[in-house]
Amino acid sequence: MIYAVAGLRMEPAPNEMKIGTKSAKGSKSRANGAVPSREELLAAHERALRRVRGMGPRERFEALVRAGIYTSDGRLTPRYGG
């Protein structure tokens, strides 16, 4: 299952990840819920940046509103200092 946060696709939640992915060193399989390696985090970050860069300004703003960071009138929500 894919989850959407701020209008962006995210990787499956750890309890739904495939078992048997290799660690960064490729030595052992990891169990569900393991902490991702630096390489995995950087790859996920790059994928997220590519998705955001492909959005138009309005689409980016709407994603921030859906995430609860901004209100629809462009102000920060209380949680983020608004």
N, C-alpha and C. Protein backbone atom coordinates (compact mmCIF):
# COMPACT_ATOMS: atom_id res chain seq x y z
N MET A 1 0.85 -1.18 0.00
CA MET A 1 0.00 0.00 0.00
C MET A 1 0.89 1.23 0.00
N ILE A 2 0.49 2.24 -0.72
CA ILE A 2 1.23 3.50 -0.78
C ILE A 2 0.47 4.54 0.01
N TYR A 3 1.17 5.31 0.79
CA TYR A 3 0.57 6.35 1.62
C TYR A 3 0.85 7.71 1.01
N ALA A 4 -0.08 8.64 1.16
CA ALA A 4 0.12 9.99 0.66
C ALA A 4 0.21 10.95 1.83
N VAL A 5 1.26 11.71 1.86
CA VAL A 5 1.46 12.75 2.86
C VAL A 5 1.82 14.00 2.09
N ALA A 6 1.14 15.05 2.35
CA ALA A 6 1.37 16.33 1.67
C ALA A 6 1.30 16.15 0.17
N GLY A 7 0.47 15.23 -0.27
CA GLY A 7 0.29 15.04 -1.69
C GLY A 7 1.41 14.29 -2.37
N LEU A 8 2.36 13.79 -1.59
CA LEU A 8 3.49 13.07 -2.15
C LEU A 8 3.35 11.58 -1.87
N ARG A 9 3.77 10.76 -2.82
CA ARG A 9 3.77 9.32 -2.58
C ARG A 9 4.91 8.99 -1.66
N MET A 10 4.65 8.13 -0.73
CA MET A 10 5.69 7.68 0.18
C MET A 10 5.88 6.18 0.01
N GLU A 11 7.00 5.71 0.46
CA GLU A 11 7.28 4.28 0.44
C GLU A 11 6.33 3.58 1.42
N PRO A 12 6.15 2.26 1.28
CA PRO A 12 5.29 1.54 2.21
C PRO A 12 5.78 1.71 3.65
N ALA A 13 4.85 1.63 4.57
CA ALA A 13 5.20 1.69 5.98
C ALA A 13 6.10 0.50 6.31
N PRO A 14 6.99 0.63 7.31
CA PRO A 14 7.93 -0.45 7.61
C PRO A 14 7.28 -1.82 7.82
N ASN A 15 6.09 -1.88 8.42
CA ASN A 15 5.47 -3.19 8.65
C ASN A 15 4.90 -3.79 7.37
N GLU A 16 4.98 -3.06 6.25
CA GLU A 16 4.51 -3.58 4.98
C GLU A 16 5.64 -3.72 3.96
N MET A 17 6.87 -3.51 4.42
CA MET A 17 7.99 -3.62 3.50
C MET A 17 8.32 -5.08 3.22
N LYS A 18 8.90 -5.32 2.08
CA LYS A 18 9.30 -6.67 1.74
C LYS A 18 10.40 -7.15 2.67
N ILE A 19 10.35 -8.39 3.05
CA ILE A 19 11.40 -8.99 3.86
C ILE A 19 12.50 -9.42 2.90
N GLY A 20 13.72 -9.28 3.34
CA GLY A 20 14.82 -9.79 2.54
C GLY A 20 15.55 -8.74 1.75
N THR A 21 15.31 -7.46 2.05
CA THR A 21 16.09 -6.44 1.36
C THR A 21 17.50 -6.47 1.92
N LYS A 22 18.45 -6.17 1.11
CA LYS A 22 19.86 -6.20 1.54
C LYS A 22 20.21 -4.93 2.30
N SER A 23 21.10 -5.07 3.26
CA SER A 23 21.59 -3.89 3.96
C SER A 23 22.58 -3.17 3.05
N ALA A 24 23.05 -2.02 3.50
CA ALA A 24 23.97 -1.22 2.68
C ALA A 24 25.22 -2.02 2.33
N LYS A 25 25.65 -2.86 3.24
CA LYS A 25 26.84 -3.66 2.98
C LYS A 25 26.49 -4.94 2.23
N GLY A 26 25.21 -5.25 2.10
CA GLY A 26 24.78 -6.42 1.35
C GLY A 26 25.04 -7.73 2.05
N SER A 27 25.27 -7.69 3.35
CA SER A 27 25.64 -8.92 4.04
C SER A 27 24.46 -9.74 4.53
N LYS A 28 23.43 -9.11 5.05
CA LYS A 28 22.31 -9.84 5.62
C LYS A 28 20.98 -9.23 5.21
N SER A 29 19.93 -10.04 5.29
CA SER A 29 18.59 -9.52 5.08
C SER A 29 18.15 -8.78 6.31
N ARG A 30 17.26 -7.79 6.12
CA ARG A 30 16.75 -7.03 7.25
C ARG A 30 15.31 -7.43 7.51
N ALA A 31 14.93 -7.41 8.75
CA ALA A 31 13.55 -7.69 9.13
C ALA A 31 12.73 -6.42 9.00
N ASN A 32 11.42 -6.56 8.96
CA ASN A 32 10.53 -5.39 8.92
C ASN A 32 10.80 -4.49 10.10
N GLY A 33 10.70 -3.19 9.87
CA GLY A 33 10.87 -2.22 10.93
C GLY A 33 12.31 -1.82 11.18
N ALA A 34 13.25 -2.35 10.42
CA ALA A 34 14.65 -1.99 10.61
C ALA A 34 14.87 -0.54 10.17
N VAL A 35 15.84 0.09 10.75
CA VAL A 35 16.17 1.47 10.40
C VAL A 35 16.80 1.48 9.01
N PRO A 36 16.32 2.35 8.12
CA PRO A 36 16.89 2.39 6.76
C PRO A 36 18.35 2.86 6.79
N SER A 37 19.11 2.41 5.83
CA SER A 37 20.51 2.83 5.74
C SER A 37 20.59 4.27 5.22
N ARG A 38 21.75 4.83 5.32
CA ARG A 38 21.97 6.19 4.81
C ARG A 38 21.67 6.24 3.31
N GLU A 39 22.10 5.23 2.59
CA GLU A 39 21.87 5.18 1.15
C GLU A 39 20.38 5.13 0.82
N GLU A 40 19.62 4.35 1.59
CA GLU A 40 18.17 4.26 1.37
C GLU A 40 17.48 5.58 1.66
N LEU A 41 17.91 6.25 2.73
CA LEU A 41 17.34 7.56 3.07
C LEU A 41 17.65 8.59 1.99
N LEU A 42 18.89 8.60 1.50
CA LEU A 42 19.25 9.54 0.44
C LEU A 42 18.47 9.26 -0.84
N ALA A 43 18.27 7.99 -1.16
CA ALA A 43 17.50 7.64 -2.36
C ALA A 43 16.05 8.10 -2.21
N ALA A 44 15.47 7.90 -1.03
CA ALA A 44 14.08 8.34 -0.79
C ALA A 44 14.00 9.86 -0.87
N HIS A 45 15.00 10.55 -0.36
CA HIS A 45 15.04 12.00 -0.41
C HIS A 45 15.09 12.47 -1.86
N GLU A 46 15.92 11.86 -2.67
CA GLU A 46 16.01 12.24 -4.08
C GLU A 46 14.69 12.01 -4.81
N ARG A 47 14.01 10.89 -4.52
CA ARG A 47 12.71 10.62 -5.15
C ARG A 47 11.70 11.69 -4.76
N ALA A 48 11.69 12.08 -3.49
CA ALA A 48 10.76 13.11 -3.03
C ALA A 48 11.06 14.45 -3.70
N LEU A 49 12.33 14.79 -3.82
CA LEU A 49 12.69 16.05 -4.47
C LEU A 49 12.26 16.06 -5.93
N ARG A 50 12.43 14.96 -6.64
CA ARG A 50 12.00 14.89 -8.04
C ARG A 50 10.51 15.10 -8.16
N ARG A 51 9.73 14.50 -7.23
CA ARG A 51 8.27 14.68 -7.27
C ARG A 51 7.89 16.13 -7.02
N VAL A 52 8.50 16.74 -6.03
CA VAL A 52 8.17 18.13 -5.69
C VAL A 52 8.58 19.07 -6.81
N ARG A 53 9.74 18.83 -7.39
CA ARG A 53 10.20 19.69 -8.49
C ARG A 53 9.28 19.60 -9.70
N GLY A 54 8.57 18.49 -9.83
CA GLY A 54 7.64 18.33 -10.94
C GLY A 54 6.29 18.99 -10.71
N MET A 55 6.07 19.50 -9.52
CA MET A 55 4.80 20.15 -9.19
C MET A 55 4.84 21.63 -9.57
N GLY A 56 3.68 22.16 -9.89
CA GLY A 56 3.55 23.59 -10.10
C GLY A 56 3.41 24.29 -8.76
N PRO A 57 3.52 25.62 -8.74
CA PRO A 57 3.43 26.37 -7.48
C PRO A 57 2.12 26.10 -6.73
N ARG A 58 1.00 26.09 -7.46
CA ARG A 58 -0.29 25.87 -6.80
C ARG A 58 -0.36 24.47 -6.20
N GLU A 59 0.13 23.49 -6.94
CA GLU A 59 0.12 22.11 -6.47
C GLU A 59 0.99 21.96 -5.21
N ARG A 60 2.14 22.64 -5.17
CA ARG A 60 2.99 22.60 -3.98
C ARG A 60 2.26 23.22 -2.78
N PHE A 61 1.64 24.36 -3.02
CA PHE A 61 0.91 25.02 -1.93
C PHE A 61 -0.21 24.12 -1.41
N GLU A 62 -0.97 23.52 -2.31
CA GLU A 62 -2.06 22.63 -1.89
C GLU A 62 -1.53 21.45 -1.10
N ALA A 63 -0.36 20.96 -1.45
CA ALA A 63 0.25 19.85 -0.70
C ALA A 63 0.58 20.29 0.72
N LEU A 64 1.07 21.52 0.88
CA LEU A 64 1.38 22.04 2.22
C LEU A 64 0.12 22.25 3.04
N VAL A 65 -0.97 22.65 2.39
CA VAL A 65 -2.25 22.80 3.09
C VAL A 65 -2.74 21.43 3.54
N ARG A 66 -2.69 20.43 2.65
CA ARG A 66 -3.13 19.08 3.02
C ARG A 66 -2.29 18.50 4.16
N ALA A 67 -1.03 18.88 4.22
CA ALA A 67 -0.14 18.40 5.28
C ALA A 67 -0.39 19.10 6.61
N GLY A 68 -1.18 20.19 6.59
CA GLY A 68 -1.47 20.92 7.82
C GLY A 68 -0.41 21.93 8.19
N ILE A 69 0.43 22.29 7.25
CA ILE A 69 1.48 23.27 7.52
C ILE A 69 0.96 24.69 7.31
N TYR A 70 0.20 24.88 6.23
CA TYR A 70 -0.41 26.17 5.93
C TYR A 70 -1.92 26.03 5.92
N THR A 71 -2.59 27.16 6.19
CA THR A 71 -4.04 27.21 6.03
C THR A 71 -4.33 27.56 4.58
N SER A 72 -5.57 27.42 4.16
CA SER A 72 -5.91 27.71 2.77
C SER A 72 -5.74 29.19 2.41
N ASP A 73 -5.69 30.05 3.43
CA ASP A 73 -5.47 31.48 3.14
C ASP A 73 -3.99 31.86 3.19
N GLY A 74 -3.10 30.88 3.32
CA GLY A 74 -1.67 31.13 3.22
C GLY A 74 -0.95 31.40 4.52
N ARG A 75 -1.61 31.20 5.64
CA ARG A 75 -0.96 31.42 6.94
C ARG A 75 -0.49 30.10 7.52
N LEU A 76 0.59 30.17 8.31
CA LEU A 76 1.05 28.97 8.99
C LEU A 76 0.00 28.52 10.00
N THR A 77 -0.15 27.22 10.15
CA THR A 77 -1.06 26.71 11.16
C THR A 77 -0.43 26.90 12.54
N PRO A 78 -1.22 26.88 13.60
CA PRO A 78 -0.68 27.08 14.95
C PRO A 78 0.48 26.12 15.28
N ARG A 79 0.39 24.91 14.82
CA ARG A 79 1.44 23.92 15.09
C ARG A 79 2.79 24.38 14.56
N TYR A 80 2.78 25.17 13.49
CA TYR A 80 4.02 25.64 12.87
C TYR A 80 4.27 27.12 13.15
N GLY A 81 3.70 27.64 14.20
CA GLY A 81 3.99 29.00 14.63
C GLY A 81 3.06 30.07 14.11
N GLY A 82 1.96 29.67 13.48
CA GLY A 82 1.02 30.66 12.93
C GLY A 82 -0.01 31.09 13.93
